[in-house]
């Protein structure tokens, strides 16, 4: 069975750390993360770390997401960052995208609209 390549965004908070710990325990996944403060600690555990951020040019994000099967976003708290990541994932051919902003979108849009 081929291992699913999972890219996790937001490994510095409790949810992200829990997810990466579980992915490392399961043999069915090859986890990687986008660069964050926990990057060096996770590299020691065999996690591939990408130096890409949500504000980077679209081409940079697409390169980081190329070959990834699943993106799990746990740490983005801004609409534009989530949109950048979704657009790059679509172009890179990512099969599954788990966003972090379900209810937050409505809250932020309501606040912007007044």
PDB file of N, CA and C in Angstrom:
ATOM      1  N   UNK A   1       0.833  -1.173   0.000  1.00  0.00           N
ATOM      2  CA  UNK A   1       0.000   0.000   0.000  1.00  0.00           C
ATOM      3  C   UNK A   1       0.885   1.247   0.000  1.00  0.00           C
ATOM      4  N   UNK A   2       0.558   2.202  -0.878  1.00  0.00           N
ATOM      5  CA  UNK A   2       1.313   3.447  -0.933  1.00  0.00           C
ATOM      6  C   UNK A   2       0.965   4.327   0.253  1.00  0.00           C
ATOM      7  N   UNK A   3       1.971   4.992   0.778  1.00  0.00           N
ATOM      8  CA  UNK A   3       1.746   5.892   1.900  1.00  0.00           C
ATOM      9  C   UNK A   3       1.208   7.224   1.391  1.00  0.00           C
ATOM     10  N   UNK A   4       0.231   7.764   2.106  1.00  0.00           N
ATOM     11  CA  UNK A   4      -0.318   9.078   1.794  1.00  0.00           C
ATOM     12  C   UNK A   4       0.663  10.142   2.256  1.00  0.00           C
ATOM     13  N   UNK A   5       0.946  11.105   1.389  1.00  0.00           N
ATOM     14  CA  UNK A   5       1.809  12.232   1.769  1.00  0.00           C
ATOM     15  C   UNK A   5       0.928  13.343   2.312  1.00  0.00           C
ATOM     16  N   UNK A   6       1.148  13.689   3.568  1.00  0.00           N
ATOM     17  CA  UNK A   6       0.333  14.673   4.266  1.00  0.00           C
ATOM     18  C   UNK A   6       1.193  15.884   4.618  1.00  0.00           C
ATOM     19  N   UNK A   7       0.732  17.072   4.227  1.00  0.00           N
ATOM     20  CA  UNK A   7       1.397  18.307   4.608  1.00  0.00           C
ATOM     21  C   UNK A   7       0.536  18.983   5.666  1.00  0.00           C
ATOM     22  N   UNK A   8       1.135  19.247   6.806  1.00  0.00           N
ATOM     23  CA  UNK A   8       0.426  19.860   7.928  1.00  0.00           C
ATOM     24  C   UNK A   8       0.896  21.294   8.105  1.00  0.00           C
ATOM     25  N   UNK A   9      -0.056  22.201   8.180  1.00  0.00           N
ATOM     26  CA  UNK A   9       0.223  23.609   8.428  1.00  0.00           C
ATOM     27  C   UNK A   9      -0.204  23.903   9.859  1.00  0.00           C
ATOM     28  N   UNK A  10       0.688  24.439  10.669  1.00  0.00           N
ATOM     29  CA  UNK A  10       0.332  24.821  12.032  1.00  0.00           C
ATOM     30  C   UNK A  10       0.664  23.770  13.068  1.00  0.00           C
ATOM     31  N   UNK A  11       1.933  23.397  13.179  1.00  0.00           N
ATOM     32  CA  UNK A  11       2.325  22.341  14.123  1.00  0.00           C
ATOM     33  C   UNK A  11       2.763  22.890  15.473  1.00  0.00           C
ATOM     34  N   UNK A  12       2.676  24.176  15.673  1.00  0.00           N
ATOM     35  CA  UNK A  12       3.160  24.759  16.923  1.00  0.00           C
ATOM     36  C   UNK A  12       2.095  24.839  18.015  1.00  0.00           C
ATOM     37  N   UNK A  13       0.840  24.642  17.670  1.00  0.00           N
ATOM     38  CA  UNK A  13      -0.246  24.644  18.655  1.00  0.00           C
ATOM     39  C   UNK A  13      -0.598  23.202  19.021  1.00  0.00           C
ATOM     40  N   UNK A  14      -1.442  23.045  20.024  1.00  0.00           N
ATOM     41  CA  UNK A  14      -1.782  21.714  20.527  1.00  0.00           C
ATOM     42  C   UNK A  14      -2.371  20.804  19.461  1.00  0.00           C
ATOM     43  N   UNK A  15      -3.323  21.310  18.670  1.00  0.00           N
ATOM     44  CA  UNK A  15      -3.959  20.473  17.651  1.00  0.00           C
ATOM     45  C   UNK A  15      -2.940  19.991  16.628  1.00  0.00           C
ATOM     46  N   UNK A  16      -2.116  20.885  16.121  1.00  0.00           N
ATOM     47  CA  UNK A  16      -1.107  20.517  15.136  1.00  0.00           C
ATOM     48  C   UNK A  16      -0.113  19.508  15.680  1.00  0.00           C
ATOM     49  N   UNK A  17       0.332  19.708  16.919  1.00  0.00           N
ATOM     50  CA  UNK A  17       1.274  18.759  17.530  1.00  0.00           C
ATOM     51  C   UNK A  17       0.632  17.388  17.684  1.00  0.00           C
ATOM     52  N   UNK A  18      -0.628  17.346  18.076  1.00  0.00           N
ATOM     53  CA  UNK A  18      -1.322  16.056  18.236  1.00  0.00           C
ATOM     54  C   UNK A  18      -1.436  15.324  16.903  1.00  0.00           C
ATOM     55  N   UNK A  19      -1.775  16.066  15.861  1.00  0.00           N
ATOM     56  CA  UNK A  19      -1.924  15.447  14.540  1.00  0.00           C
ATOM     57  C   UNK A  19      -0.583  14.912  14.051  1.00  0.00           C
ATOM     58  N   UNK A  20       0.474  15.706  14.155  1.00  0.00           N
ATOM     59  CA  UNK A  20       1.775  15.242  13.661  1.00  0.00           C
ATOM     60  C   UNK A  20       2.262  14.041  14.458  1.00  0.00           C
ATOM     61  N   UNK A  21       2.004  14.016  15.771  1.00  0.00           N
ATOM     62  CA  UNK A  21       2.391  12.862  16.585  1.00  0.00           C
ATOM     63  C   UNK A  21       1.678  11.598  16.114  1.00  0.00           C
ATOM     64  N   UNK A  22       0.387  11.711  15.825  1.00  0.00           N
ATOM     65  CA  UNK A  22      -0.373  10.542  15.346  1.00  0.00           C
ATOM     66  C   UNK A  22       0.099  10.098  13.965  1.00  0.00           C
ATOM     67  N   UNK A  23       0.344  11.049  13.075  1.00  0.00           N
ATOM     68  CA  UNK A  23       0.829  10.703  11.736  1.00  0.00           C
ATOM     69  C   UNK A  23       2.162   9.965  11.805  1.00  0.00           C
ATOM     70  N   UNK A  24       3.023  10.390  12.715  1.00  0.00           N
ATOM     71  CA  UNK A  24       4.322   9.730  12.857  1.00  0.00           C
ATOM     72  C   UNK A  24       4.175   8.297  13.392  1.00  0.00           C
ATOM     73  N   UNK A  25       3.141   8.061  14.189  1.00  0.00           N
ATOM     74  CA  UNK A  25       2.922   6.714  14.718  1.00  0.00           C
ATOM     75  C   UNK A  25       2.318   5.769  13.696  1.00  0.00           C
ATOM     76  N   UNK A  26       1.548   6.307  12.754  1.00  0.00           N
ATOM     77  CA  UNK A  26       0.879   5.477  11.755  1.00  0.00           C
ATOM     78  C   UNK A  26       1.803   5.253  10.566  1.00  0.00           C
ATOM     79  N   UNK A  27       1.940   4.030  10.159  1.00  0.00           N
ATOM     80  CA  UNK A  27       2.848   3.704   9.059  1.00  0.00           C
ATOM     81  C   UNK A  27       2.255   4.031   7.692  1.00  0.00           C
ATOM     82  N   UNK A  28       1.000   4.437   7.628  1.00  0.00           N
ATOM     83  CA  UNK A  28       0.340   4.669   6.347  1.00  0.00           C
ATOM     84  C   UNK A  28       0.556   6.080   5.814  1.00  0.00           C
ATOM     85  N   UNK A  29       1.261   6.932   6.567  1.00  0.00           N
ATOM     86  CA  UNK A  29       1.407   8.328   6.174  1.00  0.00           C
ATOM     87  C   UNK A  29       2.862   8.764   6.183  1.00  0.00           C
ATOM     88  N   UNK A  30       3.195   9.694   5.288  1.00  0.00           N
ATOM     89  CA  UNK A  30       4.495  10.343   5.269  1.00  0.00           C
ATOM     90  C   UNK A  30       4.232  11.814   5.576  1.00  0.00           C
ATOM     91  N   UNK A  31       4.427  12.242   6.817  1.00  0.00           N
ATOM     92  CA  UNK A  31       4.098  13.627   7.159  1.00  0.00           C
ATOM     93  C   UNK A  31       5.192  14.612   6.784  1.00  0.00           C
ATOM     94  N   UNK A  32       4.771  15.826   6.473  1.00  0.00           N
ATOM     95  CA  UNK A  32       5.683  16.940   6.268  1.00  0.00           C
ATOM     96  C   UNK A  32       4.974  18.180   6.797  1.00  0.00           C
ATOM     97  N   UNK A  33       5.738  19.229   7.019  1.00  0.00           N
ATOM     98  CA  UNK A  33       5.147  20.463   7.532  1.00  0.00           C
ATOM     99  C   UNK A  33       5.695  21.659   6.783  1.00  0.00           C
ATOM    100  N   UNK A  34       4.954  22.745   6.847  1.00  0.00           N
ATOM    101  CA  UNK A  34       5.486  24.020   6.388  1.00  0.00           C
ATOM    102  C   UNK A  34       6.295  24.602   7.540  1.00  0.00           C
ATOM    103  N   UNK A  35       7.293  25.367   7.232  1.00  0.00           N
ATOM    104  CA  UNK A  35       8.234  25.875   8.231  1.00  0.00           C
ATOM    105  C   UNK A  35       7.535  26.592   9.370  1.00  0.00           C
ATOM    106  N   UNK A  36       7.969  26.290  10.556  1.00  0.00           N
ATOM    107  CA  UNK A  36       7.474  26.947  11.757  1.00  0.00           C
ATOM    108  C   UNK A  36       8.519  26.769  12.836  1.00  0.00           C
ATOM    109  N   UNK A  37       8.293  27.331  14.015  1.00  0.00           N
ATOM    110  CA  UNK A  37       9.262  27.202  15.096  1.00  0.00           C
ATOM    111  C   UNK A  37       9.562  25.755  15.488  1.00  0.00           C
ATOM    112  N   UNK A  38       8.612  24.846  15.281  1.00  0.00           N
ATOM    113  CA  UNK A  38       8.835  23.449  15.654  1.00  0.00           C
ATOM    114  C   UNK A  38       9.580  22.675  14.574  1.00  0.00           C
ATOM    115  N   UNK A  39       9.937  23.323  13.474  1.00  0.00           N
ATOM    116  CA  UNK A  39      10.536  22.637  12.340  1.00  0.00           C
ATOM    117  C   UNK A  39      11.775  21.826  12.650  1.00  0.00           C
ATOM    118  N   UNK A  40      12.729  22.396  13.357  1.00  0.00           N
ATOM    119  CA  UNK A  40      13.977  21.666  13.616  1.00  0.00           C
ATOM    120  C   UNK A  40      13.737  20.456  14.513  1.00  0.00           C
ATOM    121  N   UNK A  41      12.857  20.587  15.481  1.00  0.00           N
ATOM    122  CA  UNK A  41      12.536  19.461  16.363  1.00  0.00           C
ATOM    123  C   UNK A  41      11.881  18.324  15.568  1.00  0.00           C
ATOM    124  N   UNK A  42      11.019  18.677  14.624  1.00  0.00           N
ATOM    125  CA  UNK A  42      10.328  17.654  13.840  1.00  0.00           C
ATOM    126  C   UNK A  42      11.239  17.024  12.791  1.00  0.00           C
ATOM    127  N   UNK A  43      12.197  17.787  12.267  1.00  0.00           N
ATOM    128  CA  UNK A  43      13.150  17.208  11.313  1.00  0.00           C
ATOM    129  C   UNK A  43      13.923  16.073  11.966  1.00  0.00           C
ATOM    130  N   UNK A  44      14.238  16.215  13.243  1.00  0.00           N
ATOM    131  CA  UNK A  44      14.938  15.162  13.979  1.00  0.00           C
ATOM    132  C   UNK A  44      14.100  13.894  14.080  1.00  0.00           C
ATOM    133  N   UNK A  45      12.783  14.040  13.933  1.00  0.00           N
ATOM    134  CA  UNK A  45      11.872  12.899  13.999  1.00  0.00           C
ATOM    135  C   UNK A  45      11.549  12.348  12.609  1.00  0.00           C
ATOM    136  N   UNK A  46      12.215  12.873  11.577  1.00  0.00           N
ATOM    137  CA  UNK A  46      12.029  12.356  10.227  1.00  0.00           C
ATOM    138  C   UNK A  46      10.979  13.065   9.404  1.00  0.00           C
ATOM    139  N   UNK A  47      10.530  14.219   9.857  1.00  0.00           N
ATOM    140  CA  UNK A  47       9.519  14.982   9.140  1.00  0.00           C
ATOM    141  C   UNK A  47      10.212  15.920   8.167  1.00  0.00           C
ATOM    142  N   UNK A  48       9.747  15.945   6.913  1.00  0.00           N
ATOM    143  CA  UNK A  48      10.296  16.873   5.929  1.00  0.00           C
ATOM    144  C   UNK A  48       9.699  18.251   6.197  1.00  0.00           C
ATOM    145  N   UNK A  49      10.550  19.260   6.254  1.00  0.00           N
ATOM    146  CA  UNK A  49      10.115  20.618   6.563  1.00  0.00           C
ATOM    147  C   UNK A  49      10.333  21.497   5.331  1.00  0.00           C
ATOM    148  N   UNK A  50       9.279  22.194   4.919  1.00  0.00           N
ATOM    149  CA  UNK A  50       9.347  23.104   3.787  1.00  0.00           C
ATOM    150  C   UNK A  50       9.445  24.535   4.276  1.00  0.00           C
ATOM    151  N   UNK A  51      10.297  25.305   3.653  1.00  0.00           N
ATOM    152  CA  UNK A  51      10.422  26.728   3.988  1.00  0.00           C
ATOM    153  C   UNK A  51       9.467  27.513   3.100  1.00  0.00           C
ATOM    154  N   UNK A  52       8.183  27.362   3.372  1.00  0.00           N
ATOM    155  CA  UNK A  52       7.162  28.068   2.600  1.00  0.00           C
ATOM    156  C   UNK A  52       6.140  28.623   3.576  1.00  0.00           C
ATOM    157  N   UNK A  53       5.677  29.821   3.283  1.00  0.00           N
ATOM    158  CA  UNK A  53       4.678  30.442   4.134  1.00  0.00           C
ATOM    159  C   UNK A  53       3.464  30.836   3.332  1.00  0.00           C
ATOM    160  N   UNK A  54       2.350  31.045   4.000  1.00  0.00           N
ATOM    161  CA  UNK A  54       1.096  31.329   3.309  1.00  0.00           C
ATOM    162  C   UNK A  54       1.117  32.639   2.538  1.00  0.00           C
ATOM    163  N   UNK A  55       2.058  33.516   2.846  1.00  0.00           N
ATOM    164  CA  UNK A  55       2.154  34.788   2.130  1.00  0.00           C
ATOM    165  C   UNK A  55       3.169  34.740   0.994  1.00  0.00           C
ATOM    166  N   UNK A  56       3.791  33.581   0.794  1.00  0.00           N
ATOM    167  CA  UNK A  56       4.749  33.433  -0.301  1.00  0.00           C
ATOM    168  C   UNK A  56       4.021  33.481  -1.645  1.00  0.00           C
ATOM    169  N   UNK A  57       4.762  33.735  -2.718  1.00  0.00           N
ATOM    170  CA  UNK A  57       4.147  33.721  -4.045  1.00  0.00           C
ATOM    171  C   UNK A  57       3.488  32.364  -4.324  1.00  0.00           C
ATOM    172  N   UNK A  58       2.445  32.382  -5.113  1.00  0.00           N
ATOM    173  CA  UNK A  58       1.694  31.178  -5.438  1.00  0.00           C
ATOM    174  C   UNK A  58       2.604  30.062  -5.954  1.00  0.00           C
ATOM    175  N   UNK A  59       3.578  30.412  -6.797  1.00  0.00           N
ATOM    176  CA  UNK A  59       4.477  29.405  -7.374  1.00  0.00           C
ATOM    177  C   UNK A  59       5.262  28.667  -6.285  1.00  0.00           C
ATOM    178  N   UNK A  60       5.682  29.388  -5.250  1.00  0.00           N
ATOM    179  CA  UNK A  60       6.427  28.777  -4.148  1.00  0.00           C
ATOM    180  C   UNK A  60       5.544  27.785  -3.395  1.00  0.00           C
ATOM    181  N   UNK A  61       4.304  28.170  -3.132  1.00  0.00           N
ATOM    182  CA  UNK A  61       3.378  27.283  -2.435  1.00  0.00           C
ATOM    183  C   UNK A  61       3.053  26.052  -3.276  1.00  0.00           C
ATOM    184  N   UNK A  62       2.869  26.248  -4.572  1.00  0.00           N
ATOM    185  CA  UNK A  62       2.575  25.111  -5.462  1.00  0.00           C
ATOM    186  C   UNK A  62       3.732  24.122  -5.445  1.00  0.00           C
ATOM    187  N   UNK A  63       4.965  24.620  -5.473  1.00  0.00           N
ATOM    188  CA  UNK A  63       6.128  23.721  -5.432  1.00  0.00           C
ATOM    189  C   UNK A  63       6.151  22.929  -4.127  1.00  0.00           C
ATOM    190  N   UNK A  64       5.850  23.574  -3.000  1.00  0.00           N
ATOM    191  CA  UNK A  64       5.846  22.890  -1.709  1.00  0.00           C
ATOM    192  C   UNK A  64       4.741  21.844  -1.642  1.00  0.00           C
ATOM    193  N   UNK A  65       3.633  22.067  -2.340  1.00  0.00           N
ATOM    194  CA  UNK A  65       2.492  21.150  -2.287  1.00  0.00           C
ATOM    195  C   UNK A  65       2.512  20.083  -3.378  1.00  0.00           C
ATOM    196  N   UNK A  66       3.436  20.177  -4.310  1.00  0.00           N
ATOM    197  CA  UNK A  66       3.508  19.187  -5.391  1.00  0.00           C
ATOM    198  C   UNK A  66       3.788  17.805  -4.821  1.00  0.00           C
ATOM    199  N   UNK A  67       2.979  16.833  -5.231  1.00  0.00           N
ATOM    200  CA  UNK A  67       3.150  15.464  -4.769  1.00  0.00           C
ATOM    201  C   UNK A  67       2.483  15.166  -3.444  1.00  0.00           C
ATOM    202  N   UNK A  68       1.844  16.161  -2.847  1.00  0.00           N
ATOM    203  CA  UNK A  68       1.157  15.976  -1.565  1.00  0.00           C
ATOM    204  C   UNK A  68      -0.252  15.462  -1.837  1.00  0.00           C
ATOM    205  N   UNK A  69      -0.696  14.472  -1.050  1.00  0.00           N
ATOM    206  CA  UNK A  69      -2.041  13.919  -1.199  1.00  0.00           C
ATOM    207  C   UNK A  69      -3.070  14.667  -0.354  1.00  0.00           C
ATOM    208  N   UNK A  70      -2.660  15.082   0.849  1.00  0.00           N
ATOM    209  CA  UNK A  70      -3.585  15.696   1.808  1.00  0.00           C
ATOM    210  C   UNK A  70      -2.911  16.900   2.460  1.00  0.00           C
ATOM    211  N   UNK A  71      -3.638  18.016   2.533  1.00  0.00           N
ATOM    212  CA  UNK A  71      -3.188  19.175   3.293  1.00  0.00           C
ATOM    213  C   UNK A  71      -4.132  19.319   4.482  1.00  0.00           C
ATOM    214  N   UNK A  72      -3.548  19.421   5.673  1.00  0.00           N
ATOM    215  CA  UNK A  72      -4.323  19.680   6.889  1.00  0.00           C
ATOM    216  C   UNK A  72      -3.853  21.019   7.432  1.00  0.00           C
ATOM    217  N   UNK A  73      -4.772  21.965   7.490  1.00  0.00           N
ATOM    218  CA  UNK A  73      -4.445  23.306   7.951  1.00  0.00           C
ATOM    219  C   UNK A  73      -5.001  23.487   9.356  1.00  0.00           C
ATOM    220  N   UNK A  74      -4.103  23.713  10.331  1.00  0.00           N
ATOM    221  CA  UNK A  74      -4.567  23.874  11.710  1.00  0.00           C
ATOM    222  C   UNK A  74      -4.195  25.214  12.314  1.00  0.00           C
ATOM    223  N   UNK A  75      -3.461  26.027  11.599  1.00  0.00           N
ATOM    224  CA  UNK A  75      -2.954  27.216  12.263  1.00  0.00           C
ATOM    225  C   UNK A  75      -3.171  28.527  11.552  1.00  0.00           C
ATOM    226  N   UNK A  76      -3.983  28.548  10.516  1.00  0.00           N
ATOM    227  CA  UNK A  76      -4.187  29.803   9.790  1.00  0.00           C
ATOM    228  C   UNK A  76      -5.437  30.484  10.301  1.00  0.00           C
ATOM    229  N   UNK A  77      -5.276  31.699  10.746  1.00  0.00           N
ATOM    230  CA  UNK A  77      -6.421  32.411  11.288  1.00  0.00           C
ATOM    231  C   UNK A  77      -6.739  33.658  10.482  1.00  0.00           C
ATOM    232  N   UNK A  78      -6.439  33.607   9.205  1.00  0.00           N
ATOM    233  CA  UNK A  78      -6.808  34.726   8.341  1.00  0.00           C
ATOM    234  C   UNK A  78      -7.378  34.157   7.050  1.00  0.00           C
ATOM    235  N   UNK A  79      -8.357  34.826   6.542  1.00  0.00           N
ATOM    236  CA  UNK A  79      -9.038  34.341   5.345  1.00  0.00           C
ATOM    237  C   UNK A  79      -8.087  34.301   4.153  1.00  0.00           C
ATOM    238  N   UNK A  80      -7.315  35.355   3.918  1.00  0.00           N
ATOM    239  CA  UNK A  80      -6.463  35.411   2.735  1.00  0.00           C
ATOM    240  C   UNK A  80      -5.409  34.301   2.753  1.00  0.00           C
ATOM    241  N   UNK A  81      -4.843  34.016   3.912  1.00  0.00           N
ATOM    242  CA  UNK A  81      -3.870  32.929   3.994  1.00  0.00           C
ATOM    243  C   UNK A  81      -4.480  31.593   3.625  1.00  0.00           C
ATOM    244  N   UNK A  82      -5.696  31.351   4.081  1.00  0.00           N
ATOM    245  CA  UNK A  82      -6.396  30.110   3.752  1.00  0.00           C
ATOM    246  C   UNK A  82      -6.692  30.052   2.255  1.00  0.00           C
ATOM    247  N   UNK A  83      -7.111  31.166   1.674  1.00  0.00           N
ATOM    248  CA  UNK A  83      -7.395  31.213   0.241  1.00  0.00           C
ATOM    249  C   UNK A  83      -6.126  30.949  -0.565  1.00  0.00           C
ATOM    250  N   UNK A  84      -5.002  31.561  -0.171  1.00  0.00           N
ATOM    251  CA  UNK A  84      -3.725  31.312  -0.855  1.00  0.00           C
ATOM    252  C   UNK A  84      -3.392  29.830  -0.847  1.00  0.00           C
ATOM    253  N   UNK A  85      -3.555  29.205   0.304  1.00  0.00           N
ATOM    254  CA  UNK A  85      -3.236  27.789   0.443  1.00  0.00           C
ATOM    255  C   UNK A  85      -4.168  26.906  -0.382  1.00  0.00           C
ATOM    256  N   UNK A  86      -5.460  27.222  -0.384  1.00  0.00           N
ATOM    257  CA  UNK A  86      -6.431  26.458  -1.175  1.00  0.00           C
ATOM    258  C   UNK A  86      -6.117  26.574  -2.666  1.00  0.00           C
ATOM    259  N   UNK A  87      -5.822  27.785  -3.133  1.00  0.00           N
ATOM    260  CA  UNK A  87      -5.497  27.970  -4.548  1.00  0.00           C
ATOM    261  C   UNK A  87      -4.255  27.182  -4.945  1.00  0.00           C
ATOM    262  N   UNK A  88      -3.224  27.242  -4.123  1.00  0.00           N
ATOM    263  CA  UNK A  88      -1.992  26.501  -4.418  1.00  0.00           C
ATOM    264  C   UNK A  88      -2.252  24.997  -4.398  1.00  0.00           C
ATOM    265  N   UNK A  89      -3.046  24.521  -3.457  1.00  0.00           N
ATOM    266  CA  UNK A  89      -3.363  23.093  -3.379  1.00  0.00           C
ATOM    267  C   UNK A  89      -4.108  22.633  -4.626  1.00  0.00           C
ATOM    268  N   UNK A  90      -5.039  23.443  -5.105  1.00  0.00           N
ATOM    269  CA  UNK A  90      -5.793  23.090  -6.313  1.00  0.00           C
ATOM    270  C   UNK A  90      -4.866  22.990  -7.524  1.00  0.00           C
ATOM    271  N   UNK A  91      -3.978  23.950  -7.681  1.00  0.00           N
ATOM    272  CA  UNK A  91      -3.045  23.942  -8.813  1.00  0.00           C
ATOM    273  C   UNK A  91      -2.082  22.761  -8.711  1.00  0.00           C
ATOM    274  N   UNK A  92      -1.644  22.436  -7.494  1.00  0.00           N
ATOM    275  CA  UNK A  92      -0.680  21.347  -7.292  1.00  0.00           C
ATOM    276  C   UNK A  92      -1.327  19.970  -7.405  1.00  0.00           C
ATOM    277  N   UNK A  93      -2.655  19.909  -7.465  1.00  0.00           N
ATOM    278  CA  UNK A  93      -3.332  18.621  -7.603  1.00  0.00           C
ATOM    279  C   UNK A  93      -3.508  17.871  -6.294  1.00  0.00           C
ATOM    280  N   UNK A  94      -3.546  18.585  -5.181  1.00  0.00           N
ATOM    281  CA  UNK A  94      -3.779  17.954  -3.878  1.00  0.00           C
ATOM    282  C   UNK A  94      -5.178  17.350  -3.880  1.00  0.00           C
ATOM    283  N   UNK A  95      -5.293  16.096  -3.422  1.00  0.00           N
ATOM    284  CA  UNK A  95      -6.572  15.376  -3.483  1.00  0.00           C
ATOM    285  C   UNK A  95      -7.532  15.755  -2.359  1.00  0.00           C
ATOM    286  N   UNK A  96      -7.001  16.047  -1.185  1.00  0.00           N
ATOM    287  CA  UNK A  96      -7.848  16.376  -0.034  1.00  0.00           C
ATOM    288  C   UNK A  96      -7.276  17.591   0.687  1.00  0.00           C
ATOM    289  N   UNK A  97      -8.182  18.461   1.116  1.00  0.00           N
ATOM    290  CA  UNK A  97      -7.787  19.663   1.843  1.00  0.00           C
ATOM    291  C   UNK A  97      -8.681  19.793   3.065  1.00  0.00           C
ATOM    292  N   UNK A  98      -8.071  19.815   4.237  1.00  0.00           N
ATOM    293  CA  UNK A  98      -8.817  19.971   5.485  1.00  0.00           C
ATOM    294  C   UNK A  98      -8.525  21.377   6.009  1.00  0.00           C
ATOM    295  N   UNK A  99      -9.501  22.283   5.892  1.00  0.00           N
ATOM    296  CA  UNK A  99      -9.268  23.663   6.324  1.00  0.00           C
ATOM    297  C   UNK A  99      -9.387  23.817   7.835  1.00  0.00           C
ATOM    298  N   UNK A 100      -8.862  24.900   8.334  1.00  0.00           N
ATOM    299  CA  UNK A 100      -8.986  25.179   9.765  1.00  0.00           C
ATOM    300  C   UNK A 100     -10.080  26.186  10.043  1.00  0.00           C
ATOM    301  N   UNK A 101     -10.565  26.853   9.030  1.00  0.00           N
ATOM    302  CA  UNK A 101     -11.525  27.938   9.229  1.00  0.00           C
ATOM    303  C   UNK A 101     -12.910  27.547   8.734  1.00  0.00           C
ATOM    304  N   UNK A 102     -13.695  27.002   9.610  1.00  0.00           N
ATOM    305  CA  UNK A 102     -15.080  26.723   9.254  1.00  0.00           C
ATOM    306  C   UNK A 102     -15.960  27.870   9.725  1.00  0.00           C
ATOM    307  N   UNK A 103     -16.079  28.059  11.007  1.00  0.00           N
ATOM    308  CA  UNK A 103     -16.934  29.113  11.538  1.00  0.00           C
ATOM    309  C   UNK A 103     -16.251  30.476  11.492  1.00  0.00           C
ATOM    310  N   UNK A 104     -14.938  30.512  11.485  1.00  0.00           N
ATOM    311  CA  UNK A 104     -14.204  31.768  11.519  1.00  0.00           C
ATOM    312  C   UNK A 104     -14.476  32.617  10.282  1.00  0.00           C
ATOM    313  N   UNK A 105     -14.689  31.962   9.113  1.00  0.00           N
ATOM    314  CA  UNK A 105     -14.978  32.697   7.891  1.00  0.00           C
ATOM    315  C   UNK A 105     -16.219  33.569   8.078  1.00  0.00           C
ATOM    316  N   UNK A 106     -17.288  32.985   8.584  1.00  0.00           N
ATOM    317  CA  UNK A 106     -18.533  33.730   8.752  1.00  0.00           C
ATOM    318  C   UNK A 106     -18.329  34.888   9.727  1.00  0.00           C
ATOM    319  N   UNK A 107     -17.611  34.626  10.812  1.00  0.00           N
ATOM    320  CA  UNK A 107     -17.352  35.667  11.810  1.00  0.00           C
ATOM    321  C   UNK A 107     -16.580  36.821  11.190  1.00  0.00           C
ATOM    322  N   UNK A 108     -15.508  36.506  10.455  1.00  0.00           N
ATOM    323  CA  UNK A 108     -14.693  37.569   9.870  1.00  0.00           C
ATOM    324  C   UNK A 108     -15.457  38.325   8.797  1.00  0.00           C
ATOM    325  N   UNK A 109     -16.227  37.607   7.971  1.00  0.00           N
ATOM    326  CA  UNK A 109     -16.993  38.285   6.941  1.00  0.00           C
ATOM    327  C   UNK A 109     -18.065  39.177   7.552  1.00  0.00           C
ATOM    328  N   UNK A 110     -18.724  38.718   8.597  1.00  0.00           N
ATOM    329  CA  UNK A 110     -19.733  39.519   9.270  1.00  0.00           C
ATOM    330  C   UNK A 110     -19.103  40.794   9.825  1.00  0.00           C
ATOM    331  N   UNK A 111     -17.939  40.671  10.420  1.00  0.00           N
ATOM    332  CA  UNK A 111     -17.259  41.846  10.973  1.00  0.00           C
ATOM    333  C   UNK A 111     -16.841  42.812   9.864  1.00  0.00           C
ATOM    334  N   UNK A 112     -16.422  42.288   8.715  1.00  0.00           N
ATOM    335  CA  UNK A 112     -16.010  43.164   7.612  1.00  0.00           C
ATOM    336  C   UNK A 112     -17.201  43.863   6.987  1.00  0.00           C
ATOM    337  N   UNK A 113     -18.345  43.170   6.938  1.00  0.00           N
ATOM    338  CA  UNK A 113     -19.536  43.741   6.311  1.00  0.00           C
ATOM    339  C   UNK A 113     -20.275  44.695   7.238  1.00  0.00           C
ATOM    340  N   UNK A 114     -19.977  44.609   8.533  1.00  0.00           N
ATOM    341  CA  UNK A 114     -20.601  45.520   9.488  1.00  0.00           C
ATOM    342  C   UNK A 114     -21.801  44.938  10.049  1.00  0.00           C
TER     343      UNK A 114
END
